[in-house]
Amino acid sequence: MKTKPIFLPVLLSLALLICTLIFPDITIAQTTLQVASKTIEKTIGLPAVQTLHISAEKGDVEIIAWDKPEMSVKLQLSARHTERTTAASDLSKVKYIAERSGRDYYLRNYISLAEGESKPVSNIKARYTIYVPSSISVNVTNTFGTIKMKGLTKKLHLKADFCTTTIADLKGTIDLQTTFGELEGTALAGAISFSGDHTNLRLDHVSGTLKVDASYGNVEIMPTNGLSRLTIHSKKSEVTLSAKNWRLFNYTVNGAYTSMKLPNGFKWKHNTADFKDAFFSNDQFASVQISTEFGKLTIK
């Protein structure tokens, strides 16, 4: 009676185990996600609408200024799941608002559940692509997503939680509030304010006035010669001010338990381990005031 050889299956199993350990990114089977989606498109004539309000959840929001006297809205809602029926069922629970009230226009996506209905288990996403005249005011809130805005010139209010935000070519009154995120801005002018918690902030080519209140994040500011006033208060943050000619501004800086790296020319009032206070005056109109706690300050 012959004995069946068992060494070949054993060797194959061993080889498969070794490959899995050495190349963990290689999977034997790949799960395909099924996508259920719906798209809403609207065109709104202006100047009937003066302010756009967006309230997004898990949204990718993009707002771009153009030269047409109207607003174009495209809202794409989607649900992703391994089971097509589950994705379709969860998408039916995703609702939206797109309506005008007076001179305001409201956009919103949200989850609506009937009594006893279970929460969606799919990956829900909302993508807003909006073109507006540059003179419209914009109010945006978003969680767990992205925000991109370009070319606006009037009033902007932004509140973002767990978002990556990119803004460019903005003018006017700009109010930015973020938590647990990233915010990068280029070519900003006007009255600008930023309040951030656990957010990394980077602003390049900033002019006008800028007020920053930051906790637990990095702050990097690169002003133009058009900056008239900069005020920064930070806590447990690393602050860097990079100017092409730092002597164009008058400075007052102080910090508690903060390390400072300042250019030659600053004069110290206090320079101890627990408190530092320095200034630079060159009879300039523009002023910089920085106050830090438990952080690091660099001016260059």
C-alpha atoms as a PDB file:
ATOM      1  CA  MET A   1       0.000   0.000   0.000  1.00  0.00           C
ATOM      2  CA  LYS A   2       1.462   3.339  -1.077  1.00  0.00           C
ATOM      3  CA  THR A   3       1.622   6.296   1.269  1.00  0.00           C
ATOM      4  CA  LYS A   4       0.440   9.605  -0.212  1.00  0.00           C
ATOM      5  CA  PRO A   5       3.177  12.237  -0.264  1.00  0.00           C
ATOM      6  CA  ILE A   6       2.373  15.106   2.058  1.00  0.00           C
ATOM      7  CA  PHE A   7       5.503  17.199   1.762  1.00  0.00           C
ATOM      8  CA  LEU A   8       4.354  19.140  -1.342  1.00  0.00           C
ATOM      9  CA  PRO A   9       1.186  20.649   0.231  1.00  0.00           C
ATOM     10  CA  VAL A  10       3.163  21.411   3.367  1.00  0.00           C
ATOM     11  CA  LEU A  11       5.856  23.200   1.373  1.00  0.00           C
ATOM     12  CA  LEU A  12       3.248  25.185  -0.559  1.00  0.00           C
ATOM     13  CA  SER A  13       1.523  26.251   2.659  1.00  0.00           C
ATOM     14  CA  LEU A  14       4.857  27.205   4.197  1.00  0.00           C
ATOM     15  CA  ALA A  15       5.826  29.220   1.125  1.00  0.00           C
ATOM     16  CA  LEU A  16       2.491  31.053   1.212  1.00  0.00           C
ATOM     17  CA  LEU A  17       2.960  31.879   4.896  1.00  0.00           C
ATOM     18  CA  ILE A  18       6.478  33.199   4.293  1.00  0.00           C
ATOM     19  CA  CYS A  19       5.297  35.381   1.382  1.00  0.00           C
ATOM     20  CA  THR A  20       2.520  36.798   3.538  1.00  0.00           C
ATOM     21  CA  LEU A  21       4.958  37.667   6.315  1.00  0.00           C
ATOM     22  CA  ILE A  22       7.541  39.199   3.978  1.00  0.00           C
ATOM     23  CA  PHE A  23       5.059  41.020   1.742  1.00  0.00           C
ATOM     24  CA  PRO A  24       2.145  42.014   3.996  1.00  0.00           C
ATOM     25  CA  ASP A  25       0.744  44.431   1.417  1.00  0.00           C
ATOM     26  CA  ILE A  26      -0.001  41.567  -0.978  1.00  0.00           C
ATOM     27  CA  THR A  27      -3.495  40.183  -0.490  1.00  0.00           C
ATOM     28  CA  ILE A  28      -4.808  36.957  -1.919  1.00  0.00           C
ATOM     29  CA  ALA A  29      -8.265  38.376  -2.547  1.00  0.00           C
ATOM     30  CA  GLN A  30      -9.312  41.974  -2.983  1.00  0.00           C
ATOM     31  CA  THR A  31     -12.696  43.200  -1.820  1.00  0.00           C
ATOM     32  CA  THR A  32     -14.532  45.351  -4.356  1.00  0.00           C
ATOM     33  CA  LEU A  33     -16.578  48.226  -3.001  1.00  0.00           C
ATOM     34  CA  GLN A  34     -19.963  48.863  -4.573  1.00  0.00           C
ATOM     35  CA  VAL A  35     -20.940  52.503  -5.051  1.00  0.00           C
ATOM     36  CA  ALA A  36     -24.424  53.973  -4.991  1.00  0.00           C
ATOM     37  CA  SER A  37     -24.637  57.662  -5.875  1.00  0.00           C
ATOM     38  CA  LYS A  38     -26.913  60.494  -6.884  1.00  0.00           C
ATOM     39  CA  THR A  39     -26.151  63.937  -8.290  1.00  0.00           C
ATOM     40  CA  ILE A  40     -28.013  67.205  -7.792  1.00  0.00           C
ATOM     41  CA  GLU A  41     -27.293  70.144 -10.112  1.00  0.00           C
ATOM     42  CA  LYS A  42     -28.736  73.638  -9.866  1.00  0.00           C
ATOM     43  CA  THR A  43     -28.144  77.081 -11.360  1.00  0.00           C
ATOM     44  CA  ILE A  44     -29.190  80.107  -9.307  1.00  0.00           C
ATOM     45  CA  GLY A  45     -29.432  83.596 -10.749  1.00  0.00           C
ATOM     46  CA  LEU A  46     -27.821  86.526  -8.955  1.00  0.00           C
ATOM     47  CA  PRO A  47     -27.877  89.142  -7.439  1.00  0.00           C
ATOM     48  CA  ALA A  48     -30.968  87.662  -5.812  1.00  0.00           C
ATOM     49  CA  VAL A  49     -28.633  85.633  -3.569  1.00  0.00           C
ATOM     50  CA  GLN A  50     -26.003  87.487  -1.542  1.00  0.00           C
ATOM     51  CA  THR A  51     -24.853  84.812   0.943  1.00  0.00           C
ATOM     52  CA  LEU A  52     -24.181  81.109   0.445  1.00  0.00           C
ATOM     53  CA  HIS A  53     -24.452  78.820   3.488  1.00  0.00           C
ATOM     54  CA  ILE A  54     -23.000  75.302   3.362  1.00  0.00           C
ATOM     55  CA  SER A  55     -23.316  72.761   6.173  1.00  0.00           C
ATOM     56  CA  ALA A  56     -21.477  69.585   5.193  1.00  0.00           C
ATOM     57  CA  GLU A  57     -20.793  66.283   6.926  1.00  0.00           C
ATOM     58  CA  LYS A  58     -17.975  64.156   5.517  1.00  0.00           C
ATOM     59  CA  GLY A  59     -17.897  66.615   2.654  1.00  0.00           C
ATOM     60  CA  ASP A  60     -15.391  67.571   0.001  1.00  0.00           C
ATOM     61  CA  VAL A  61     -16.273  71.212  -0.598  1.00  0.00           C
ATOM     62  CA  GLU A  62     -14.837  73.221  -3.491  1.00  0.00           C
ATOM     63  CA  ILE A  63     -15.888  76.830  -4.099  1.00  0.00           C
ATOM     64  CA  ILE A  64     -14.400  78.760  -7.018  1.00  0.00           C
ATOM     65  CA  ALA A  65     -15.150  82.319  -8.105  1.00  0.00           C
ATOM     66  CA  TRP A  66     -15.985  82.946 -11.751  1.00  0.00           C
ATOM     67  CA  ASP A  67     -17.130  85.883 -13.887  1.00  0.00           C
ATOM     68  CA  LYS A  68     -20.703  84.732 -14.580  1.00  0.00           C
ATOM     69  CA  PRO A  69     -23.677  86.483 -12.885  1.00  0.00           C
ATOM     70  CA  GLU A  70     -25.007  83.209 -11.485  1.00  0.00           C
ATOM     71  CA  MET A  71     -24.174  80.415  -9.071  1.00  0.00           C
ATOM     72  CA  SER A  72     -23.655  76.835 -10.237  1.00  0.00           C
ATOM     73  CA  VAL A  73     -24.108  74.011  -7.719  1.00  0.00           C
ATOM     74  CA  LYS A  74     -23.240  70.357  -8.177  1.00  0.00           C
ATOM     75  CA  LEU A  75     -23.763  68.062  -5.193  1.00  0.00           C
ATOM     76  CA  GLN A  76     -22.746  64.415  -5.464  1.00  0.00           C
ATOM     77  CA  LEU A  77     -23.848  62.061  -2.681  1.00  0.00           C
ATOM     78  CA  SER A  78     -22.419  58.553  -2.489  1.00  0.00           C
ATOM     79  CA  ALA A  79     -22.398  55.433  -0.324  1.00  0.00           C
ATOM     80  CA  ARG A  80     -19.707  52.746  -0.610  1.00  0.00           C
ATOM     81  CA  HIS A  81     -20.051  49.195   0.695  1.00  0.00           C
ATOM     82  CA  THR A  82     -19.086  45.673  -0.295  1.00  0.00           C
ATOM     83  CA  GLU A  83     -22.778  44.855  -0.752  1.00  0.00           C
ATOM     84  CA  ARG A  84     -24.614  46.796  -3.456  1.00  0.00           C
ATOM     85  CA  THR A  85     -27.967  46.506  -1.689  1.00  0.00           C
ATOM     86  CA  THR A  86     -26.469  47.915   1.514  1.00  0.00           C
ATOM     87  CA  ALA A  87     -24.906  50.842  -0.352  1.00  0.00           C
ATOM     88  CA  ALA A  88     -28.221  51.627  -2.056  1.00  0.00           C
ATOM     89  CA  SER A  89     -30.152  51.348   1.204  1.00  0.00           C
ATOM     90  CA  ASP A  90     -27.718  53.618   3.040  1.00  0.00           C
ATOM     91  CA  LEU A  91     -27.786  56.184   0.235  1.00  0.00           C
ATOM     92  CA  SER A  92     -31.558  56.476   0.682  1.00  0.00           C
ATOM     93  CA  LYS A  93     -30.871  57.668   4.235  1.00  0.00           C
ATOM     94  CA  VAL A  94     -28.706  60.542   2.997  1.00  0.00           C
ATOM     95  CA  LYS A  95     -30.784  63.692   2.577  1.00  0.00           C
ATOM     96  CA  TYR A  96     -29.953  67.161   1.337  1.00  0.00           C
ATOM     97  CA  ILE A  97     -31.218  70.724   1.369  1.00  0.00           C
ATOM     98  CA  ALA A  98     -30.712  73.071  -1.577  1.00  0.00           C
ATOM     99  CA  GLU A  99     -33.015  76.035  -1.245  1.00  0.00           C
ATOM    100  CA  ARG A 100     -33.190  79.802  -1.238  1.00  0.00           C
ATOM    101  CA  SER A 101     -34.610  81.914   1.566  1.00  0.00           C
ATOM    102  CA  GLY A 102     -34.619  85.617   0.810  1.00  0.00           C
ATOM    103  CA  ARG A 103     -31.107  86.640  -0.157  1.00  0.00           C
ATOM    104  CA  ASP A 104     -29.573  83.513   1.383  1.00  0.00           C
ATOM    105  CA  TYR A 105     -29.008  80.139  -0.263  1.00  0.00           C
ATOM    106  CA  TYR A 106     -28.631  77.016   1.873  1.00  0.00           C
ATOM    107  CA  LEU A 107     -26.878  73.754   1.041  1.00  0.00           C
ATOM    108  CA  ARG A 108     -26.712  70.867   3.466  1.00  0.00           C
ATOM    109  CA  ASN A 109     -26.298  67.099   3.548  1.00  0.00           C
ATOM    110  CA  TYR A 110     -27.353  64.988   6.527  1.00  0.00           C
ATOM    111  CA  ILE A 111     -28.538  61.544   7.651  1.00  0.00           C
ATOM    112  CA  SER A 112     -32.262  61.063   8.289  1.00  0.00           C
ATOM    113  CA  LEU A 113     -33.522  57.866   9.937  1.00  0.00           C
ATOM    114  CA  ALA A 114     -37.072  56.632  10.292  1.00  0.00           C
ATOM    115  CA  GLU A 115     -38.156  55.239  13.653  1.00  0.00           C
ATOM    116  CA  GLY A 116     -36.329  51.973  14.285  1.00  0.00           C
ATOM    117  CA  GLU A 117     -34.124  52.376  11.216  1.00  0.00           C
ATOM    118  CA  SER A 118     -30.435  51.514  11.635  1.00  0.00           C
ATOM    119  CA  LYS A 119     -27.592  53.941  10.988  1.00  0.00           C
ATOM    120  CA  PRO A 120     -25.720  53.646   7.692  1.00  0.00           C
ATOM    121  CA  VAL A 121     -22.763  51.255   7.701  1.00  0.00           C
ATOM    122  CA  SER A 122     -21.492  52.364   4.290  1.00  0.00           C
ATOM    123  CA  ASN A 123     -18.821  54.982   3.724  1.00  0.00           C
ATOM    124  CA  ILE A 124     -20.924  58.097   3.115  1.00  0.00           C
ATOM    125  CA  LYS A 125     -19.469  61.024   1.170  1.00  0.00           C
ATOM    126  CA  ALA A 126     -20.746  64.358  -0.144  1.00  0.00           C
ATOM    127  CA  ARG A 127     -18.905  66.314  -2.812  1.00  0.00           C
ATOM    128  CA  TYR A 128     -19.826  69.964  -3.404  1.00  0.00           C
ATOM    129  CA  THR A 129     -18.539  71.702  -6.546  1.00  0.00           C
ATOM    130  CA  ILE A 130     -19.731  75.304  -6.595  1.00  0.00           C
ATOM    131  CA  TYR A 131     -18.972  78.261  -8.856  1.00  0.00           C
ATOM    132  CA  VAL A 132     -19.988  81.700  -7.602  1.00  0.00           C
ATOM    133  CA  PRO A 133     -19.432  85.381  -8.420  1.00  0.00           C
ATOM    134  CA  SER A 134     -16.479  86.639  -6.387  1.00  0.00           C
ATOM    135  CA  SER A 135     -18.634  89.196  -4.541  1.00  0.00           C
ATOM    136  CA  ILE A 136     -20.893  86.659  -2.818  1.00  0.00           C
ATOM    137  CA  SER A 137     -20.483  86.077   0.933  1.00  0.00           C
ATOM    138  CA  VAL A 138     -19.798  82.481   1.975  1.00  0.00           C
ATOM    139  CA  ASN A 139     -20.428  80.641   5.246  1.00  0.00           C
ATOM    140  CA  VAL A 140     -19.028  77.083   5.352  1.00  0.00           C
ATOM    141  CA  THR A 141     -19.016  74.387   8.038  1.00  0.00           C
ATOM    142  CA  ASN A 142     -17.609  70.915   7.438  1.00  0.00           C
ATOM    143  CA  THR A 143     -16.507  67.847   9.392  1.00  0.00           C
ATOM    144  CA  PHE A 144     -14.216  64.997   8.340  1.00  0.00           C
ATOM    145  CA  GLY A 145     -13.512  66.230   4.823  1.00  0.00           C
ATOM    146  CA  THR A 146     -11.732  68.771   2.653  1.00  0.00           C
ATOM    147  CA  ILE A 147     -12.350  72.406   1.767  1.00  0.00           C
ATOM    148  CA  LYS A 148     -10.967  74.365  -1.190  1.00  0.00           C
ATOM    149  CA  MET A 149     -11.820  77.992  -1.941  1.00  0.00           C
ATOM    150  CA  LYS A 150     -10.427  80.431  -4.464  1.00  0.00           C
ATOM    151  CA  GLY A 151     -11.118  83.954  -5.667  1.00  0.00           C
ATOM    152  CA  LEU A 152     -13.697  85.201  -3.142  1.00  0.00           C
ATOM    153  CA  THR A 153     -13.621  88.918  -2.333  1.00  0.00           C
ATOM    154  CA  LYS A 154     -16.330  89.729   0.217  1.00  0.00           C
ATOM    155  CA  LYS A 155     -17.019  87.898   3.491  1.00  0.00           C
ATOM    156  CA  LEU A 156     -15.944  84.387   4.369  1.00  0.00           C
ATOM    157  CA  HIS A 157     -16.693  82.460   7.547  1.00  0.00           C
ATOM    158  CA  LEU A 158     -15.274  78.958   7.827  1.00  0.00           C
ATOM    159  CA  LYS A 159     -15.624  76.382  10.585  1.00  0.00           C
ATOM    160  CA  ALA A 160     -13.844  73.093   9.936  1.00  0.00           C
ATOM    161  CA  ASP A 161     -13.390  70.080  12.191  1.00  0.00           C
ATOM    162  CA  PHE A 162     -11.034  67.270  11.161  1.00  0.00           C
ATOM    163  CA  CYS A 163     -10.575  68.840   7.716  1.00  0.00           C
ATOM    164  CA  THR A 164      -7.802  69.697   5.289  1.00  0.00           C
ATOM    165  CA  THR A 165      -8.399  73.234   4.021  1.00  0.00           C
ATOM    166  CA  THR A 166      -6.788  75.103   1.120  1.00  0.00           C
ATOM    167  CA  ILE A 167      -7.629  78.739   0.330  1.00  0.00           C
ATOM    168  CA  ALA A 168      -6.155  81.082  -2.281  1.00  0.00           C
ATOM    169  CA  ASP A 169      -6.648  84.551  -3.759  1.00  0.00           C
ATOM    170  CA  LEU A 170      -9.096  85.716  -1.099  1.00  0.00           C
ATOM    171  CA  LYS A 171      -9.908  89.310  -0.151  1.00  0.00           C
ATOM    172  CA  GLY A 172     -12.256  90.961   2.307  1.00  0.00           C
ATOM    173  CA  THR A 173     -13.288  89.827   5.779  1.00  0.00           C
ATOM    174  CA  ILE A 174     -11.981  86.309   6.396  1.00  0.00           C
ATOM    175  CA  ASP A 175     -12.843  84.387   9.576  1.00  0.00           C
ATOM    176  CA  LEU A 176     -11.264  80.931   9.925  1.00  0.00           C
ATOM    177  CA  GLN A 177     -11.997  78.475  12.758  1.00  0.00           C
ATOM    178  CA  THR A 178     -10.525  74.975  12.729  1.00  0.00           C
ATOM    179  CA  THR A 179      -9.927  72.027  15.047  1.00  0.00           C
ATOM    180  CA  PHE A 180      -7.786  68.966  14.366  1.00  0.00           C
ATOM    181  CA  GLY A 181      -6.812  69.815  10.818  1.00  0.00           C
ATOM    182  CA  GLU A 182      -4.526  71.476   8.308  1.00  0.00           C
ATOM    183  CA  LEU A 183      -5.041  74.917   6.784  1.00  0.00           C
ATOM    184  CA  GLU A 184      -2.928  76.380   4.002  1.00  0.00           C
ATOM    185  CA  GLY A 185      -3.567  79.773   2.433  1.00  0.00           C
ATOM    186  CA  THR A 186      -1.929  81.794  -0.346  1.00  0.00           C
ATOM    187  CA  ALA A 187      -2.468  85.404  -1.432  1.00  0.00           C
ATOM    188  CA  LEU A 188      -4.827  86.592   1.299  1.00  0.00           C
ATOM    189  CA  ALA A 189      -5.696  90.253   1.823  1.00  0.00           C
ATOM    190  CA  GLY A 190      -8.078  92.052   4.154  1.00  0.00           C
ATOM    191  CA  ALA A 191      -9.192  91.623   7.752  1.00  0.00           C
ATOM    192  CA  ILE A 192      -8.195  88.043   8.548  1.00  0.00           C
ATOM    193  CA  SER A 193      -8.722  86.126  11.787  1.00  0.00           C
ATOM    194  CA  PHE A 194      -7.789  82.550  12.615  1.00  0.00           C
ATOM    195  CA  SER A 195      -8.665  80.443  15.641  1.00  0.00           C
ATOM    196  CA  GLY A 196      -7.243  76.942  15.699  1.00  0.00           C
ATOM    197  CA  ASP A 197      -6.956  73.992  18.060  1.00  0.00           C
ATOM    198  CA  HIS A 198      -4.672  71.110  17.059  1.00  0.00           C
ATOM    199  CA  THR A 199      -4.329  72.661  13.604  1.00  0.00           C
ATOM    200  CA  ASN A 200      -1.248  73.335  11.495  1.00  0.00           C
ATOM    201  CA  LEU A 201      -1.530  76.755   9.832  1.00  0.00           C
ATOM    202  CA  ARG A 202       0.525  78.031   6.893  1.00  0.00           C
ATOM    203  CA  LEU A 203      -0.269  81.407   5.299  1.00  0.00           C
ATOM    204  CA  ASP A 204       1.820  82.805   2.436  1.00  0.00           C
ATOM    205  CA  HIS A 205       1.647  86.287   0.876  1.00  0.00           C
ATOM    206  CA  VAL A 206      -0.593  87.780   3.574  1.00  0.00           C
ATOM    207  CA  SER A 207      -1.490  91.485   3.604  1.00  0.00           C
ATOM    208  CA  GLY A 208      -3.862  93.654   5.608  1.00  0.00           C
ATOM    209  CA  THR A 209      -4.485  92.663   9.221  1.00  0.00           C
ATOM    210  CA  LEU A 210      -4.114  89.178  10.655  1.00  0.00           C
ATOM    211  CA  LYS A 211      -5.078  87.896  14.098  1.00  0.00           C
ATOM    212  CA  VAL A 212      -4.071  84.356  15.089  1.00  0.00           C
ATOM    213  CA  ASP A 213      -5.111  82.412  18.184  1.00  0.00           C
ATOM    214  CA  ALA A 214      -3.580  78.933  18.071  1.00  0.00           C
ATOM    215  CA  SER A 215      -3.216  76.011  20.468  1.00  0.00           C
ATOM    216  CA  TYR A 216      -1.359  72.742  19.920  1.00  0.00           C
ATOM    217  CA  GLY A 217      -0.297  73.334  16.323  1.00  0.00           C
ATOM    218  CA  ASN A 218       2.373  74.819  14.093  1.00  0.00           C
ATOM    219  CA  VAL A 219       1.924  78.363  12.775  1.00  0.00           C
ATOM    220  CA  GLU A 220       3.899  79.636   9.777  1.00  0.00           C
ATOM    221  CA  ILE A 221       3.243  83.156   8.464  1.00  0.00           C
ATOM    222  CA  MET A 222       4.898  84.715   5.396  1.00  0.00           C
ATOM    223  CA  PRO A 223       3.662  88.314   5.046  1.00  0.00           C
ATOM    224  CA  THR A 224       4.005  90.778   2.199  1.00  0.00           C
ATOM    225  CA  ASN A 225       4.997  94.423   2.576  1.00  0.00           C
ATOM    226  CA  GLY A 226       1.261  95.136   2.663  1.00  0.00           C
ATOM    227  CA  LEU A 227       0.812  93.663   6.142  1.00  0.00           C
ATOM    228  CA  SER A 228      -0.307  96.449   8.490  1.00  0.00           C
ATOM    229  CA  ARG A 229      -0.869  94.519  11.722  1.00  0.00           C
ATOM    230  CA  LEU A 230      -0.178  90.990  12.930  1.00  0.00           C
ATOM    231  CA  THR A 231      -1.251  89.669  16.318  1.00  0.00           C
ATOM    232  CA  ILE A 232      -0.463  86.120  17.407  1.00  0.00           C
ATOM    233  CA  HIS A 233      -1.306  84.367  20.645  1.00  0.00           C
ATOM    234  CA  SER A 234      -0.219  80.753  20.842  1.00  0.00           C
ATOM    235  CA  LYS A 235      -0.104  77.961  23.385  1.00  0.00           C
ATOM    236  CA  LYS A 236       2.006  74.830  23.023  1.00  0.00           C
ATOM    237  CA  SER A 237       2.687  75.765  19.411  1.00  0.00           C
ATOM    238  CA  GLU A 238       5.671  76.368  17.160  1.00  0.00           C
ATOM    239  CA  VAL A 239       5.410  79.810  15.543  1.00  0.00           C
ATOM    240  CA  THR A 240       7.531  80.920  12.578  1.00  0.00           C
ATOM    241  CA  LEU A 241       7.372  84.362  10.963  1.00  0.00           C
ATOM    242  CA  SER A 242       9.297  84.557   7.680  1.00  0.00           C
ATOM    243  CA  ALA A 243       9.479  87.986   6.020  1.00  0.00           C
ATOM    244  CA  LYS A 244      11.554  89.031   3.019  1.00  0.00           C
ATOM    245  CA  ASN A 245      12.559  92.098   5.032  1.00  0.00           C
ATOM    246  CA  TRP A 246      11.717  91.668   8.691  1.00  0.00           C
ATOM    247  CA  ARG A 247      12.814  95.256   9.461  1.00  0.00           C
ATOM    248  CA  LEU A 248       9.668  96.613   7.780  1.00  0.00           C
ATOM    249  CA  PHE A 249       7.702  95.969  10.978  1.00  0.00           C
ATOM    250  CA  ASN A 250       7.802  97.040  14.617  1.00  0.00           C
ATOM    251  CA  TYR A 251       7.826  94.060  16.986  1.00  0.00           C
ATOM    252  CA  THR A 252       6.731  93.300  20.516  1.00  0.00           C
ATOM    253  CA  VAL A 253       7.219  89.658  21.501  1.00  0.00           C
ATOM    254  CA  ASN A 254       6.966  87.802  24.784  1.00  0.00           C
ATOM    255  CA  GLY A 255       6.765  84.211  25.862  1.00  0.00           C
ATOM    256  CA  ALA A 256       6.354  82.081  28.949  1.00  0.00           C
ATOM    257  CA  TYR A 257       8.427  78.903  28.923  1.00  0.00           C
ATOM    258  CA  THR A 258       9.186  79.546  25.264  1.00  0.00           C
ATOM    259  CA  SER A 259      12.378  79.271  23.253  1.00  0.00           C
ATOM    260  CA  MET A 260      12.991  82.195  20.885  1.00  0.00           C
ATOM    261  CA  LYS A 261      15.208  82.678  17.862  1.00  0.00           C
ATOM    262  CA  LEU A 262      15.234  86.358  16.861  1.00  0.00           C
ATOM    263  CA  PRO A 263      17.292  88.363  14.337  1.00  0.00           C
ATOM    264  CA  ASN A 264      20.113  90.597  15.476  1.00  0.00           C
ATOM    265  CA  GLY A 265      18.692  93.989  16.354  1.00  0.00           C
ATOM    266  CA  PHE A 266      16.045  92.898  18.835  1.00  0.00           C
ATOM    267  CA  LYS A 267      16.447  94.253  22.350  1.00  0.00           C
ATOM    268  CA  TRP A 268      15.661  92.147  25.398  1.00  0.00           C
ATOM    269  CA  LYS A 269      13.698  93.371  28.390  1.00  0.00           C
ATOM    270  CA  HIS A 270      13.731  89.932  29.987  1.00  0.00           C
ATOM    271  CA  ASN A 271      15.515  86.798  28.863  1.00  0.00           C
ATOM    272  CA  THR A 272      15.152  83.987  31.366  1.00  0.00           C
ATOM    273  CA  ALA A 273      14.172  80.345  31.063  1.00  0.00           C
ATOM    274  CA  ASP A 274      10.615  80.953  32.231  1.00  0.00           C
ATOM    275  CA  PHE A 275       9.916  84.345  30.623  1.00  0.00           C
ATOM    276  CA  LYS A 276      11.194  86.282  27.628  1.00  0.00           C
ATOM    277  CA  ASP A 277      10.279  89.787  26.483  1.00  0.00           C
ATOM    278  CA  ALA A 278      11.854  91.564  23.493  1.00  0.00           C
ATOM    279  CA  PHE A 279      11.121  94.340  21.014  1.00  0.00           C
ATOM    280  CA  PHE A 280      12.312  95.939  17.794  1.00  0.00           C
ATOM    281  CA  SER A 281      11.340  99.461  16.739  1.00  0.00           C
ATOM    282  CA  ASN A 282      12.218 101.032  13.419  1.00  0.00           C
ATOM    283  CA  ASP A 283       9.550 103.749  13.250  1.00  0.00           C
ATOM    284  CA  GLN A 284       7.397 101.630  10.979  1.00  0.00           C
ATOM    285  CA  PHE A 285       3.639 101.909  10.553  1.00  0.00           C
ATOM    286  CA  ALA A 286       3.122  98.137  10.536  1.00  0.00           C
ATOM    287  CA  SER A 287       3.247  96.268  13.837  1.00  0.00           C
ATOM    288  CA  VAL A 288       3.740  92.678  14.959  1.00  0.00           C
ATOM    289  CA  GLN A 289       2.707  91.490  18.423  1.00  0.00           C
ATOM    290  CA  ILE A 290       3.383  87.892  19.419  1.00  0.00           C
ATOM    291  CA  SER A 291       2.642  86.223  22.750  1.00  0.00           C
ATOM    292  CA  THR A 292       3.470  82.558  23.291  1.00  0.00           C
ATOM    293  CA  GLU A 293       3.167  79.956  26.035  1.00  0.00           C
ATOM    294  CA  PHE A 294       5.067  76.667  26.237  1.00  0.00           C
ATOM    295  CA  GLY A 295       6.258  76.799  22.647  1.00  0.00           C
ATOM    296  CA  LYS A 296       8.852  77.994  20.185  1.00  0.00           C
ATOM    297  CA  LEU A 297       9.112  81.283  18.285  1.00  0.00           C
ATOM    298  CA  THR A 298      11.293  82.000  15.247  1.00  0.00           C
ATOM    299  CA  ILE A 299      11.452  85.309  13.365  1.00  0.00           C
ATOM    300  CA  LYS A 300      13.573  85.531  10.244  1.00  0.00           C
END
